[in-house]
Amino acid sequence: MMNLLRSLLLVLATASIVGCAGVASRYGPTDTWIGLTRSEVQSRLGPASIQTLTSTGTRLTYAKGPYGRHTYFLEFDANDKLVRWQQVLTEQEFQKIIPGMTATAVEDLIGPSFEKTTLGRQRGEVWSYRFETPFCIWFQVEIDQSGVVRSAGHGIPPECARDDDWLSCDKNAYHPLC
């Protein structure tokens, strides 16, 4: 009886590991996908959030929001083959966003924001982006009413706005974002 129970637990553990691996591959691309056709990629990831024609082919945007911490840009050549992909919600990409650039240029760099807050007195809006970080922060871009970046930087998401040590996810571990 004990051997049967151990065997059953082993089978269940193996199945859950294999199942999780299957889910992970459906979340985002890997380097082994280079060379796949657009239809093969879409069969794995589903429909793209945005499809953009580029000078060399097509870019598909997979924004894993609103609480996702990743936005993937997948570049396809004129033959519809995947030539490169990039996870764009990174500090390196955030540093490229500067006052004076357009809202369209921001979306071309880091994709769409799923959390847009309108500012009072018709001053524009703030676009917030969650991203992978050990801290309870997000990246925010202030866009004025003419569609131009006024400022950009890190902010505190509402679920982390607490009086005690708001930068540490250790104390906010109860929340799924930490």
C-alpha atoms as a PDB file:
ATOM      1  CA  MET A   1       0.000   0.000   0.000  1.00  0.00           C
ATOM      2  CA  MET A   2       2.831   2.392   0.882  1.00  0.00           C
ATOM      3  CA  ASN A   3       4.576   1.700  -2.454  1.00  0.00           C
ATOM      4  CA  LEU A   4       1.337   2.414  -4.315  1.00  0.00           C
ATOM      5  CA  LEU A   5       0.981   5.737  -2.487  1.00  0.00           C
ATOM      6  CA  ARG A   6       4.593   6.690  -3.280  1.00  0.00           C
ATOM      7  CA  SER A   7       4.097   5.791  -6.950  1.00  0.00           C
ATOM      8  CA  LEU A   8       0.923   7.851  -7.112  1.00  0.00           C
ATOM      9  CA  LEU A   9       2.651  10.859  -5.533  1.00  0.00           C
ATOM     10  CA  LEU A  10       5.558  10.518  -7.979  1.00  0.00           C
ATOM     11  CA  VAL A  11       3.168  10.440 -10.944  1.00  0.00           C
ATOM     12  CA  LEU A  12       1.278  13.485  -9.652  1.00  0.00           C
ATOM     13  CA  ALA A  13       4.492  15.437  -9.026  1.00  0.00           C
ATOM     14  CA  THR A  14       5.793  14.622 -12.506  1.00  0.00           C
ATOM     15  CA  ALA A  15       2.490  15.596 -14.110  1.00  0.00           C
ATOM     16  CA  SER A  16       2.428  18.927 -12.281  1.00  0.00           C
ATOM     17  CA  ILE A  17       6.002  19.727 -13.336  1.00  0.00           C
ATOM     18  CA  VAL A  18       5.252  18.866 -16.953  1.00  0.00           C
ATOM     19  CA  GLY A  19       2.007  20.865 -16.761  1.00  0.00           C
ATOM     20  CA  CYS A  20       3.817  23.915 -15.390  1.00  0.00           C
ATOM     21  CA  ALA A  21       6.423  23.663 -18.137  1.00  0.00           C
ATOM     22  CA  GLY A  22       3.621  23.670 -20.700  1.00  0.00           C
ATOM     23  CA  VAL A  23       2.068  26.777 -19.161  1.00  0.00           C
ATOM     24  CA  ALA A  24       5.435  28.568 -19.046  1.00  0.00           C
ATOM     25  CA  SER A  25       6.025  27.978 -22.758  1.00  0.00           C
ATOM     26  CA  ARG A  26       2.611  29.475 -23.533  1.00  0.00           C
ATOM     27  CA  TYR A  27       3.380  32.625 -21.518  1.00  0.00           C
ATOM     28  CA  GLY A  28       6.293  33.934 -23.551  1.00  0.00           C
ATOM     29  CA  PRO A  29       8.732  33.081 -26.335  1.00  0.00           C
ATOM     30  CA  THR A  30      12.100  31.343 -26.085  1.00  0.00           C
ATOM     31  CA  ASP A  31      15.175  31.456 -28.316  1.00  0.00           C
ATOM     32  CA  THR A  32      14.248  28.038 -29.720  1.00  0.00           C
ATOM     33  CA  TRP A  33      11.335  29.737 -31.482  1.00  0.00           C
ATOM     34  CA  ILE A  34      13.610  31.699 -33.851  1.00  0.00           C
ATOM     35  CA  GLY A  35      12.670  30.617 -37.385  1.00  0.00           C
ATOM     36  CA  LEU A  36       9.078  29.687 -36.560  1.00  0.00           C
ATOM     37  CA  THR A  37       6.338  31.155 -38.741  1.00  0.00           C
ATOM     38  CA  ARG A  38       3.963  33.778 -37.422  1.00  0.00           C
ATOM     39  CA  SER A  39       1.089  31.259 -37.442  1.00  0.00           C
ATOM     40  CA  GLU A  40       3.189  28.761 -35.427  1.00  0.00           C
ATOM     41  CA  VAL A  41       3.988  31.447 -32.846  1.00  0.00           C
ATOM     42  CA  GLN A  42       0.356  32.550 -32.658  1.00  0.00           C
ATOM     43  CA  SER A  43      -0.747  28.951 -32.162  1.00  0.00           C
ATOM     44  CA  ARG A  44       1.530  28.863 -29.092  1.00  0.00           C
ATOM     45  CA  LEU A  45       0.839  32.339 -27.659  1.00  0.00           C
ATOM     46  CA  GLY A  46      -2.618  33.128 -29.020  1.00  0.00           C
ATOM     47  CA  PRO A  47      -3.571  36.373 -30.726  1.00  0.00           C
ATOM     48  CA  ALA A  48      -1.198  39.312 -30.308  1.00  0.00           C
ATOM     49  CA  SER A  49      -2.233  42.445 -28.409  1.00  0.00           C
ATOM     50  CA  ILE A  50      -0.960  44.607 -31.272  1.00  0.00           C
ATOM     51  CA  GLN A  51       0.271  43.888 -34.788  1.00  0.00           C
ATOM     52  CA  THR A  52       2.500  46.495 -36.450  1.00  0.00           C
ATOM     53  CA  LEU A  53       3.969  46.601 -39.947  1.00  0.00           C
ATOM     54  CA  THR A  54       7.672  47.482 -39.922  1.00  0.00           C
ATOM     55  CA  SER A  55      10.167  48.278 -42.677  1.00  0.00           C
ATOM     56  CA  THR A  56      11.426  44.683 -42.553  1.00  0.00           C
ATOM     57  CA  GLY A  57       8.231  42.758 -41.818  1.00  0.00           C
ATOM     58  CA  THR A  58       5.824  42.585 -38.892  1.00  0.00           C
ATOM     59  CA  ARG A  59       6.051  43.075 -35.140  1.00  0.00           C
ATOM     60  CA  LEU A  60       3.640  41.302 -32.812  1.00  0.00           C
ATOM     61  CA  THR A  61       3.215  42.684 -29.305  1.00  0.00           C
ATOM     62  CA  TYR A  62       2.223  40.356 -26.499  1.00  0.00           C
ATOM     63  CA  ALA A  63       1.439  42.488 -23.461  1.00  0.00           C
ATOM     64  CA  LYS A  64       0.891  40.275 -20.443  1.00  0.00           C
ATOM     65  CA  GLY A  65      -1.157  42.801 -18.461  1.00  0.00           C
ATOM     66  CA  PRO A  66      -2.788  44.256 -16.518  1.00  0.00           C
ATOM     67  CA  TYR A  67      -0.845  42.593 -13.693  1.00  0.00           C
ATOM     68  CA  GLY A  68       1.680  40.928 -15.969  1.00  0.00           C
ATOM     69  CA  ARG A  69       5.252  42.051 -15.644  1.00  0.00           C
ATOM     70  CA  HIS A  70       6.275  41.312 -19.225  1.00  0.00           C
ATOM     71  CA  THR A  71       5.587  42.709 -22.682  1.00  0.00           C
ATOM     72  CA  TYR A  72       7.139  40.817 -25.572  1.00  0.00           C
ATOM     73  CA  PHE A  73       7.940  42.249 -29.006  1.00  0.00           C
ATOM     74  CA  LEU A  74       8.308  39.512 -31.639  1.00  0.00           C
ATOM     75  CA  GLU A  75       9.854  40.587 -34.957  1.00  0.00           C
ATOM     76  CA  PHE A  76       9.043  38.683 -38.158  1.00  0.00           C
ATOM     77  CA  ASP A  77      10.787  39.122 -41.505  1.00  0.00           C
ATOM     78  CA  ALA A  78       9.051  39.550 -44.894  1.00  0.00           C
ATOM     79  CA  ASN A  79       8.693  35.734 -45.095  1.00  0.00           C
ATOM     80  CA  ASP A  80       6.794  35.683 -41.770  1.00  0.00           C
ATOM     81  CA  LYS A  81       9.641  33.947 -39.902  1.00  0.00           C
ATOM     82  CA  LEU A  82      10.501  34.963 -36.336  1.00  0.00           C
ATOM     83  CA  VAL A  83      13.919  36.636 -36.407  1.00  0.00           C
ATOM     84  CA  ARG A  84      14.101  38.059 -32.864  1.00  0.00           C
ATOM     85  CA  TRP A  85      12.095  38.718 -29.746  1.00  0.00           C
ATOM     86  CA  GLN A  86      12.551  40.987 -26.747  1.00  0.00           C
ATOM     87  CA  GLN A  87      10.978  41.433 -23.316  1.00  0.00           C
ATOM     88  CA  VAL A  88      10.694  45.245 -23.214  1.00  0.00           C
ATOM     89  CA  LEU A  89       9.576  46.032 -19.663  1.00  0.00           C
ATOM     90  CA  THR A  90      13.135  46.497 -18.405  1.00  0.00           C
ATOM     91  CA  GLU A  91      15.174  49.271 -16.821  1.00  0.00           C
ATOM     92  CA  GLN A  92      17.254  49.482 -20.003  1.00  0.00           C
ATOM     93  CA  GLU A  93      14.157  50.349 -22.061  1.00  0.00           C
ATOM     94  CA  PHE A  94      12.707  52.650 -19.364  1.00  0.00           C
ATOM     95  CA  GLN A  95      15.877  54.778 -19.464  1.00  0.00           C
ATOM     96  CA  LYS A  96      15.176  55.585 -23.125  1.00  0.00           C
ATOM     97  CA  ILE A  97      11.945  57.378 -22.242  1.00  0.00           C
ATOM     98  CA  ILE A  98      12.649  61.075 -21.866  1.00  0.00           C
ATOM     99  CA  PRO A  99      10.569  64.252 -21.638  1.00  0.00           C
ATOM    100  CA  GLY A 100       9.575  65.591 -25.039  1.00  0.00           C
ATOM    101  CA  MET A 101       9.071  62.252 -26.798  1.00  0.00           C
ATOM    102  CA  THR A 102       5.602  61.307 -28.021  1.00  0.00           C
ATOM    103  CA  ALA A 103       3.191  58.841 -26.460  1.00  0.00           C
ATOM    104  CA  THR A 104       3.438  56.795 -29.668  1.00  0.00           C
ATOM    105  CA  ALA A 105       7.215  56.596 -29.240  1.00  0.00           C
ATOM    106  CA  VAL A 106       6.696  55.311 -25.676  1.00  0.00           C
ATOM    107  CA  GLU A 107       4.407  52.547 -26.939  1.00  0.00           C
ATOM    108  CA  ASP A 108       6.960  51.729 -29.662  1.00  0.00           C
ATOM    109  CA  LEU A 109       9.575  51.227 -26.902  1.00  0.00           C
ATOM    110  CA  ILE A 110       7.659  49.439 -24.135  1.00  0.00           C
ATOM    111  CA  GLY A 111       4.188  48.666 -25.477  1.00  0.00           C
ATOM    112  CA  PRO A 112       0.763  49.705 -24.229  1.00  0.00           C
ATOM    113  CA  SER A 113      -0.079  50.513 -20.639  1.00  0.00           C
ATOM    114  CA  PHE A 114      -3.067  48.775 -19.125  1.00  0.00           C
ATOM    115  CA  GLU A 115      -3.299  51.242 -16.275  1.00  0.00           C
ATOM    116  CA  LYS A 116      -3.901  54.816 -17.412  1.00  0.00           C
ATOM    117  CA  THR A 117      -4.908  57.437 -14.870  1.00  0.00           C
ATOM    118  CA  THR A 118      -6.375  60.751 -15.973  1.00  0.00           C
ATOM    119  CA  LEU A 119      -4.848  63.765 -14.241  1.00  0.00           C
ATOM    120  CA  GLY A 120      -7.018  66.577 -12.907  1.00  0.00           C
ATOM    121  CA  ARG A 121      -7.496  69.899 -14.690  1.00  0.00           C
ATOM    122  CA  GLN A 122      -6.999  68.237 -18.071  1.00  0.00           C
ATOM    123  CA  ARG A 123      -3.243  67.914 -17.555  1.00  0.00           C
ATOM    124  CA  GLY A 124      -3.057  64.588 -19.360  1.00  0.00           C
ATOM    125  CA  GLU A 125      -2.610  61.115 -17.914  1.00  0.00           C
ATOM    126  CA  VAL A 126      -0.156  58.792 -16.189  1.00  0.00           C
ATOM    127  CA  TRP A 127       0.640  55.432 -17.762  1.00  0.00           C
ATOM    128  CA  SER A 128       1.754  52.792 -15.268  1.00  0.00           C
ATOM    129  CA  TYR A 129       3.736  49.653 -16.117  1.00  0.00           C
ATOM    130  CA  ARG A 130       4.335  46.752 -13.778  1.00  0.00           C
ATOM    131  CA  PHE A 131       7.642  44.991 -14.365  1.00  0.00           C
ATOM    132  CA  GLU A 132       9.826  42.315 -12.849  1.00  0.00           C
ATOM    133  CA  THR A 133      11.587  43.732  -9.795  1.00  0.00           C
ATOM    134  CA  PRO A 134      12.203  42.619  -6.206  1.00  0.00           C
ATOM    135  CA  PHE A 135      10.697  45.927  -5.030  1.00  0.00           C
ATOM    136  CA  CYS A 136       7.066  46.944  -4.838  1.00  0.00           C
ATOM    137  CA  ILE A 137       7.325  49.665  -7.499  1.00  0.00           C
ATOM    138  CA  TRP A 138       6.139  50.285 -11.034  1.00  0.00           C
ATOM    139  CA  PHE A 139       7.320  52.476 -13.886  1.00  0.00           C
ATOM    140  CA  GLN A 140       5.177  55.497 -14.727  1.00  0.00           C
ATOM    141  CA  VAL A 141       5.091  57.897 -17.659  1.00  0.00           C
ATOM    142  CA  GLU A 142       3.273  61.226 -17.446  1.00  0.00           C
ATOM    143  CA  ILE A 143       1.795  62.212 -20.812  1.00  0.00           C
ATOM    144  CA  ASP A 144       0.462  65.760 -21.265  1.00  0.00           C
ATOM    145  CA  GLN A 145      -2.799  66.544 -23.071  1.00  0.00           C
ATOM    146  CA  SER A 146      -0.948  67.011 -26.389  1.00  0.00           C
ATOM    147  CA  GLY A 147       0.468  63.454 -26.214  1.00  0.00           C
ATOM    148  CA  VAL A 148       4.025  64.358 -25.178  1.00  0.00           C
ATOM    149  CA  VAL A 149       6.001  62.880 -22.248  1.00  0.00           C
ATOM    150  CA  ARG A 150       6.263  65.361 -19.383  1.00  0.00           C
ATOM    151  CA  SER A 151       8.129  63.045 -16.987  1.00  0.00           C
ATOM    152  CA  ALA A 152       8.929  59.386 -16.324  1.00  0.00           C
ATOM    153  CA  GLY A 153      10.144  57.420 -13.344  1.00  0.00           C
ATOM    154  CA  HIS A 154       9.297  54.892 -10.664  1.00  0.00           C
ATOM    155  CA  GLY A 155       6.250  55.089  -8.440  1.00  0.00           C
ATOM    156  CA  ILE A 156       4.502  53.110  -5.748  1.00  0.00           C
ATOM    157  CA  PRO A 157       1.483  51.026  -6.822  1.00  0.00           C
ATOM    158  CA  PRO A 158      -1.603  51.459  -4.625  1.00  0.00           C
ATOM    159  CA  GLU A 159      -1.356  47.985  -3.089  1.00  0.00           C
ATOM    160  CA  CYS A 160       2.094  48.878  -1.740  1.00  0.00           C
ATOM    161  CA  ALA A 161       1.363  52.367  -0.426  1.00  0.00           C
ATOM    162  CA  ARG A 162       1.847  51.597   3.241  1.00  0.00           C
ATOM    163  CA  ASP A 163       3.556  53.455   6.027  1.00  0.00           C
ATOM    164  CA  ASP A 164       6.060  50.689   6.758  1.00  0.00           C
ATOM    165  CA  ASP A 165       8.937  49.820   4.444  1.00  0.00           C
ATOM    166  CA  TRP A 166       7.031  50.166   1.145  1.00  0.00           C
ATOM    167  CA  LEU A 167      10.016  49.162  -0.986  1.00  0.00           C
ATOM    168  CA  SER A 168      10.324  45.675   0.450  1.00  0.00           C
ATOM    169  CA  CYS A 169       8.293  42.818  -0.939  1.00  0.00           C
ATOM    170  CA  ASP A 170       9.301  40.749   2.087  1.00  0.00           C
ATOM    171  CA  LYS A 171       6.725  42.612   4.161  1.00  0.00           C
ATOM    172  CA  ASN A 172       4.243  42.680   1.273  1.00  0.00           C
ATOM    173  CA  ALA A 173       4.564  38.974   0.462  1.00  0.00           C
ATOM    174  CA  TYR A 174       0.840  38.526   1.065  1.00  0.00           C
ATOM    175  CA  HIS A 175       0.174  40.333  -2.201  1.00  0.00           C
ATOM    176  CA  PRO A 176       0.415  38.396  -5.504  1.00  0.00           C
ATOM    177  CA  LEU A 177       2.583  41.104  -7.070  1.00  0.00           C
ATOM    178  CA  CYS A 178       5.383  40.609  -4.559  1.00  0.00           C
END
